[in-house]
Every structure is written in C-alpha cells, then in structure tokens.
Amino acid sequence: MLIKMTNKGKDTALHEVVRYGHYAVVRSLIEKDPKFTYGANDSGTTPLYMAVERRFTDLVELIIKKSSTSPSYHISMDRTTFHAAVIRNDKEMTNEILKWKPDLTKEVDKNGWSPLHYTAERGCDLKIVELLLNKSKKSVAYLRSKDGNKTALHIASFHHHIEIVEKILSHSPGCREQIDDKGNNVFHFAMMKEGDDDFEPSNYFDNDWLKARGLINEKNAQGKMLKNQILDFWFVYTHKVDERGHTTMKT
C-alpha cells in the first residue's frame, strides 16, 4: 500500500502530512490502515514524536486514539514522546500521553534522564510536575542520570527551582538523602550555581521537607562541608571584581 511506502529519508506519507499539521489528511491515512505501526525515519523520528515536537496536540490525540502505535522513541536520543512533551512544557499533551501510557514516567533516555529530570532542569509548569508525580511510583524520584548519578531533585536544587524541589519531596521524601557520584546532596547542589541574585539559601535551610538530621553537616567526596560552600557562595555573591581585579562589596 502507498501509505507504507517511504522516501529516501524513510519518511512515510504520514510523516509528511504530520510535518505540516494536516489534520484531515492524517485522519484519512490512519483510517486506511489503523493497525499499521509507523516506524522512525532516518533522523529517528516517528510521526507521533514529530507531532509532539511541533506541539500539534490535536494530531497527538488523533494518532494515540485512532492508530496502533508504540510509545515512539526518538531513536538517536532514546527519548519517548513523553520526554518530548515535557521538554516543551505542554500540559495538554503531557496529560494525553500520560492517560495513554502512564509507565512512560519511568523511561530514561541515553543519558539516563527521565521526564522528571527534564521538568527539574527546565522549571516546568507545576501542573506538569504534579501530573507526572501523580502517575509515578515513588521510585521515579530515585532514578539517577548516567552523567554523575544525579536525581531530579539534585537538578531542581541546582537550578533553584524550589517549588519543584518541594513537589518531588512531597511525593518521595526519602530521596532527599540521595547523593551524586561526588557525594553532593540536595543542599550542596543548591550552593553550586553562581549568578542567581534571587537565590535565598533560607528557602532550603528553613524548608520543612529538607529538615533531615545530618544533611547540612555532610561532606562531599572532596571533603567540603556545606558551611564551606556557603562561605564560597557569599564571597562570590557579595563581591564584585572591578577592571583592575580589585573586589568591592556589593551594595
């Protein structure tokens, strides 16, 4: 059948019509053979993944409901459609995909990043974080990246996304005890990032979810205690370097 034929880039007819958002044509092609599973093209993209990337929510819903389709990985990155929806911070698509395949919350890409890691990095809408966590087992918060054994909590803490930190901890309180491969815990990560003038350490130290005995006094693999990082942080924060290399107190 023509709908199963591909061009030199291994695009099917469905790839082509999804690319340009032609809803009626997409529906017509799917109805011709709803049991056919469309594979990835040469760039590793399936029609469903393509629809998510382009934020064609109506096409995502149509493909999910009317065709026989897989979670559709982006082959080159090992990402699912759910990764793509979260990366685009799209609540509606996130909800549709979760209703379809809730187990996608625990899938990781080639770097070991789950969808929760991406919400933590990008500071996604809290509704998306809530949707993801409500459909997840507590173990999702413990998933570690391949680049340093970082959890989503570590990443949210590094980027000072305190509301996401709180959401993760309300779902899986025990993950606050996790450390990366250098021995850094959630507090260490909070003190790593420079240049964030709005950062308030008290958001962490006075936070009810983070009041775990001993966390503040733990050393990382370099033997640095949190109080040392706090001193480093405040030195950088309260001093400016002028053109001659001299430091002046920040006012």
Protein backbone atom coordinates (compact mmCIF):
# COMPACT_ATOMS: atom_id res chain seq x y z
CA MET A 1 0.00 0.00 0.00
CA LEU A 2 1.11 3.56 -0.71
CA ILE A 3 0.76 4.61 2.93
CA LYS A 4 3.51 2.13 3.87
CA MET A 5 5.98 3.35 1.25
CA THR A 6 8.88 5.58 2.27
CA ASN A 7 11.07 8.15 0.54
CA LYS A 8 14.87 8.33 0.66
CA GLY A 9 14.73 9.71 4.18
CA LYS A 10 12.39 6.86 5.22
CA ASP A 11 9.52 9.28 5.68
CA THR A 12 6.09 7.73 5.17
CA ALA A 13 3.11 9.66 3.86
CA LEU A 14 2.03 10.10 7.48
CA HIS A 15 5.37 11.70 8.36
CA GLU A 16 4.85 14.22 5.57
CA VAL A 17 1.31 15.25 6.47
CA VAL A 18 2.08 15.39 10.21
CA ARG A 19 5.04 17.65 9.46
CA TYR A 20 2.66 20.26 8.06
CA GLY A 21 -0.19 19.70 10.51
CA HIS A 22 -2.83 18.46 8.03
CA TYR A 23 -5.38 17.03 10.45
CA ALA A 24 -7.94 15.78 7.91
CA VAL A 25 -5.30 14.04 5.81
CA VAL A 26 -3.70 12.46 8.89
CA ARG A 27 -7.08 11.08 9.93
CA SER A 28 -7.72 9.75 6.43
CA LEU A 29 -4.35 7.95 6.28
CA ILE A 30 -4.82 6.37 9.71
CA GLU A 31 -8.33 5.19 8.84
CA LYS A 32 -6.99 3.38 5.77
CA ASP A 33 -4.93 1.05 8.00
CA PRO A 34 -5.33 1.76 11.74
CA LYS A 35 -3.33 -1.34 12.70
CA PHE A 36 -0.20 -0.32 10.82
CA THR A 37 2.65 0.81 13.11
CA TYR A 38 4.68 3.63 11.60
CA GLY A 39 8.41 3.38 12.17
CA ALA A 40 11.07 6.05 12.50
CA ASN A 41 12.62 7.92 9.59
CA ASP A 42 16.37 8.35 9.04
CA SER A 43 16.55 11.03 11.75
CA GLY A 44 14.99 8.62 14.24
CA THR A 45 11.60 10.33 14.38
CA THR A 46 8.17 8.69 14.20
CA PRO A 47 5.02 10.57 13.13
CA LEU A 48 3.80 10.68 16.73
CA TYR A 49 7.10 12.05 18.04
CA MET A 50 7.06 14.61 15.24
CA ALA A 51 3.56 15.75 16.22
CA VAL A 52 4.66 16.20 19.83
CA GLU A 53 7.77 18.16 18.83
CA ARG A 54 5.61 20.53 16.78
CA ARG A 55 3.01 20.85 19.53
CA PHE A 56 0.22 19.59 17.31
CA THR A 57 -1.91 18.47 20.24
CA ASP A 58 -4.90 17.55 18.07
CA LEU A 59 -2.69 15.26 15.97
CA VAL A 60 -1.13 13.69 19.05
CA GLU A 61 -4.58 12.84 20.39
CA LEU A 62 -5.71 11.53 17.00
CA ILE A 63 -2.67 9.27 16.48
CA ILE A 64 -2.88 7.90 20.02
CA LYS A 65 -6.60 7.14 19.87
CA LYS A 66 -7.06 6.04 16.27
CA SER A 67 -3.91 4.16 15.34
CA SER A 68 -1.94 1.18 16.56
CA THR A 69 1.16 2.95 17.73
CA SER A 70 4.06 2.46 20.12
CA PRO A 71 5.44 4.96 22.63
CA SER A 72 7.57 6.07 19.69
CA TYR A 73 11.12 6.64 20.75
CA HIS A 74 13.35 9.20 19.12
CA ILE A 75 15.93 6.59 18.23
CA SER A 76 19.04 8.80 18.30
CA MET A 77 18.34 10.01 21.86
CA ASP A 78 16.25 7.11 23.21
CA ARG A 79 13.60 9.64 24.19
CA THR A 80 9.90 8.85 24.26
CA THR A 81 7.05 11.11 23.22
CA PHE A 82 6.56 11.87 26.90
CA HIS A 83 10.10 13.26 27.17
CA ALA A 84 9.30 15.50 24.20
CA ALA A 85 6.01 16.74 25.68
CA VAL A 86 7.68 17.60 29.00
CA ILE A 87 10.61 19.33 27.30
CA ARG A 88 8.08 21.54 25.51
CA ASN A 89 6.34 22.30 28.80
CA ASP A 90 2.97 21.39 27.28
CA LYS A 91 0.33 20.49 29.88
CA GLU A 92 -2.30 19.25 27.46
CA MET A 93 -0.01 16.89 25.57
CA THR A 94 1.55 15.69 28.82
CA ASN A 95 -1.89 14.78 30.11
CA GLU A 96 -2.92 12.99 26.90
CA ILE A 97 0.24 10.89 26.79
CA LEU A 98 0.04 10.01 30.48
CA LYS A 99 -3.55 8.81 30.09
CA TRP A 100 -2.37 6.64 27.20
CA LYS A 101 0.90 5.25 28.63
CA PRO A 102 1.46 6.16 32.32
CA ASP A 103 4.51 3.88 32.53
CA LEU A 104 6.44 6.34 30.37
CA THR A 105 7.21 8.29 33.55
CA LYS A 106 10.00 5.80 34.36
CA GLU A 107 11.57 5.61 30.89
CA VAL A 108 15.03 7.19 30.56
CA ASP A 109 16.97 8.49 27.57
CA LYS A 110 20.56 7.66 26.61
CA ASN A 111 21.85 9.94 29.38
CA GLY A 112 19.69 8.24 31.99
CA TRP A 113 17.37 11.24 32.20
CA SER A 114 13.72 10.56 32.97
CA PRO A 115 10.95 13.05 32.14
CA LEU A 116 11.16 14.19 35.78
CA HIS A 117 14.82 15.15 35.26
CA TYR A 118 13.74 17.47 32.44
CA THR A 119 10.96 19.11 34.45
CA ALA A 120 13.55 19.75 37.16
CA GLU A 121 16.08 21.24 34.76
CA ARG A 122 13.67 23.43 32.82
CA GLY A 123 11.48 24.60 35.65
CA CYS A 124 8.35 23.25 34.00
CA ASP A 125 4.83 24.27 34.92
CA LEU A 126 3.98 22.82 38.34
CA LYS A 127 0.83 21.25 36.88
CA ILE A 128 3.06 19.13 34.65
CA VAL A 129 5.21 18.13 37.63
CA GLU A 130 2.07 17.20 39.58
CA LEU A 131 0.64 15.18 36.67
CA LEU A 132 3.90 13.29 36.31
CA LEU A 133 4.31 12.55 40.01
CA ASN A 134 0.67 11.55 40.47
CA LYS A 135 1.12 8.88 37.78
CA SER A 136 4.52 7.73 39.06
CA LYS A 137 5.75 5.28 41.63
CA LYS A 138 7.98 6.74 44.32
CA SER A 139 10.97 5.04 42.67
CA VAL A 140 10.87 7.55 39.79
CA ALA A 141 12.32 10.22 42.08
CA TYR A 142 15.30 7.93 42.76
CA LEU A 143 16.29 7.43 39.12
CA ARG A 144 19.88 8.54 38.55
CA SER A 145 21.43 10.05 35.46
CA LYS A 146 24.43 8.46 33.76
CA ASP A 147 26.26 11.79 33.93
CA GLY A 148 27.10 11.90 37.62
CA ASN A 149 24.33 9.84 39.25
CA LYS A 150 22.15 12.92 39.66
CA THR A 151 18.50 12.62 40.64
CA ALA A 152 15.78 15.02 39.51
CA LEU A 153 15.89 16.54 43.00
CA HIS A 154 19.59 17.36 42.60
CA ILE A 155 18.90 19.07 39.28
CA ALA A 156 15.94 21.07 40.58
CA SER A 157 18.03 22.14 43.56
CA PHE A 158 20.95 23.24 41.38
CA HIS A 159 18.65 25.43 39.27
CA HIS A 160 16.94 26.80 42.42
CA HIS A 161 13.51 25.58 41.34
CA ILE A 162 12.38 25.39 44.95
CA GLU A 163 8.71 24.70 44.15
CA ILE A 164 9.70 21.65 42.11
CA VAL A 165 12.04 20.58 44.91
CA GLU A 166 9.06 20.69 47.27
CA LYS A 167 6.79 18.78 44.86
CA ILE A 168 9.35 15.99 44.47
CA LEU A 169 9.89 15.74 48.21
CA SER A 170 6.16 15.68 48.95
CA HIS A 171 5.95 12.65 46.62
CA SER A 172 9.15 10.87 47.73
CA PRO A 173 10.55 12.38 50.96
CA GLY A 174 13.31 9.79 51.24
CA CYS A 175 15.05 10.94 48.07
CA ARG A 176 16.46 13.94 49.96
CA GLU A 177 19.10 11.54 51.34
CA GLN A 178 20.47 10.68 47.89
CA ILE A 179 23.92 11.84 46.81
CA ASP A 180 25.60 12.02 43.41
CA ASP A 181 28.87 10.32 42.48
CA LYS A 182 30.84 13.14 44.16
CA GLY A 183 28.95 12.88 47.43
CA ASN A 184 26.87 16.01 46.89
CA ASN A 185 23.40 16.11 48.41
CA VAL A 186 20.45 18.42 47.73
CA PHE A 187 21.98 21.20 49.86
CA HIS A 188 25.37 21.01 48.13
CA PHE A 189 23.65 21.35 44.76
CA ALA A 190 21.72 24.41 45.91
CA MET A 191 25.00 26.21 46.65
CA MET A 192 26.78 25.33 43.39
CA LYS A 193 25.17 27.74 40.95
CA GLU A 194 26.57 31.25 40.69
CA GLY A 195 24.97 34.37 39.28
CA ASP A 196 21.44 33.89 40.62
CA ASP A 197 20.78 37.13 42.52
CA ASP A 198 17.31 35.96 43.55
CA PHE A 199 18.57 32.86 45.33
CA GLU A 200 17.70 32.70 49.03
CA PRO A 201 19.53 29.93 50.96
CA SER A 202 16.84 30.17 53.64
CA ASN A 203 14.42 28.61 51.13
CA TYR A 204 16.39 25.41 51.68
CA PHE A 205 17.62 25.61 55.26
CA ASP A 206 14.21 26.60 56.66
CA ASN A 207 12.24 24.23 54.45
CA ASP A 208 10.19 21.64 56.35
CA TRP A 209 10.76 18.99 53.66
CA LEU A 210 14.53 19.37 53.95
CA LYS A 211 14.90 19.21 57.72
CA ALA A 212 16.76 15.91 57.74
CA ARG A 213 19.20 15.26 60.54
CA GLY A 214 22.81 15.50 59.44
CA LEU A 215 22.24 16.54 55.81
CA ILE A 216 23.61 20.03 56.34
CA ASN A 217 26.76 18.68 58.01
CA GLU A 218 27.58 16.02 55.42
CA LYS A 219 30.82 16.24 53.46
CA ASN A 220 31.04 15.56 49.74
CA ALA A 221 33.79 13.49 48.09
CA GLN A 222 36.15 16.50 48.14
CA GLY A 223 35.72 16.75 51.91
CA LYS A 224 33.87 20.03 51.60
CA MET A 225 31.12 20.60 54.13
CA LEU A 226 28.09 22.67 53.29
CA LYS A 227 29.22 25.53 55.50
CA ASN A 228 32.33 25.87 53.29
CA GLN A 229 30.14 26.14 50.21
CA ILE A 230 28.01 28.76 51.93
CA LEU A 231 31.11 30.85 52.62
CA ASP A 232 32.24 30.46 48.99
CA PHE A 233 28.77 31.40 47.78
CA TRP A 234 28.56 34.55 49.88
CA PHE A 235 32.06 35.64 48.85
CA VAL A 236 31.07 35.47 45.18
CA TYR A 237 27.65 37.00 45.85
CA THR A 238 28.80 39.95 47.98
CA HIS A 239 31.89 40.94 45.98
CA LYS A 240 32.29 42.43 42.56
CA VAL A 241 35.57 42.49 40.67
CA ASP A 242 36.45 45.79 39.03
CA GLU A 243 38.51 46.27 35.87
CA ARG A 244 41.75 46.32 37.89
CA GLY A 245 40.94 42.99 39.55
CA HIS A 246 40.00 44.58 42.87
CA THR A 247 36.94 43.42 44.77
CA THR A 248 34.32 45.75 46.16
CA MET A 249 31.45 44.94 48.47
CA LYS A 250 28.10 44.54 46.74
CA THR A 251 25.52 47.10 47.85
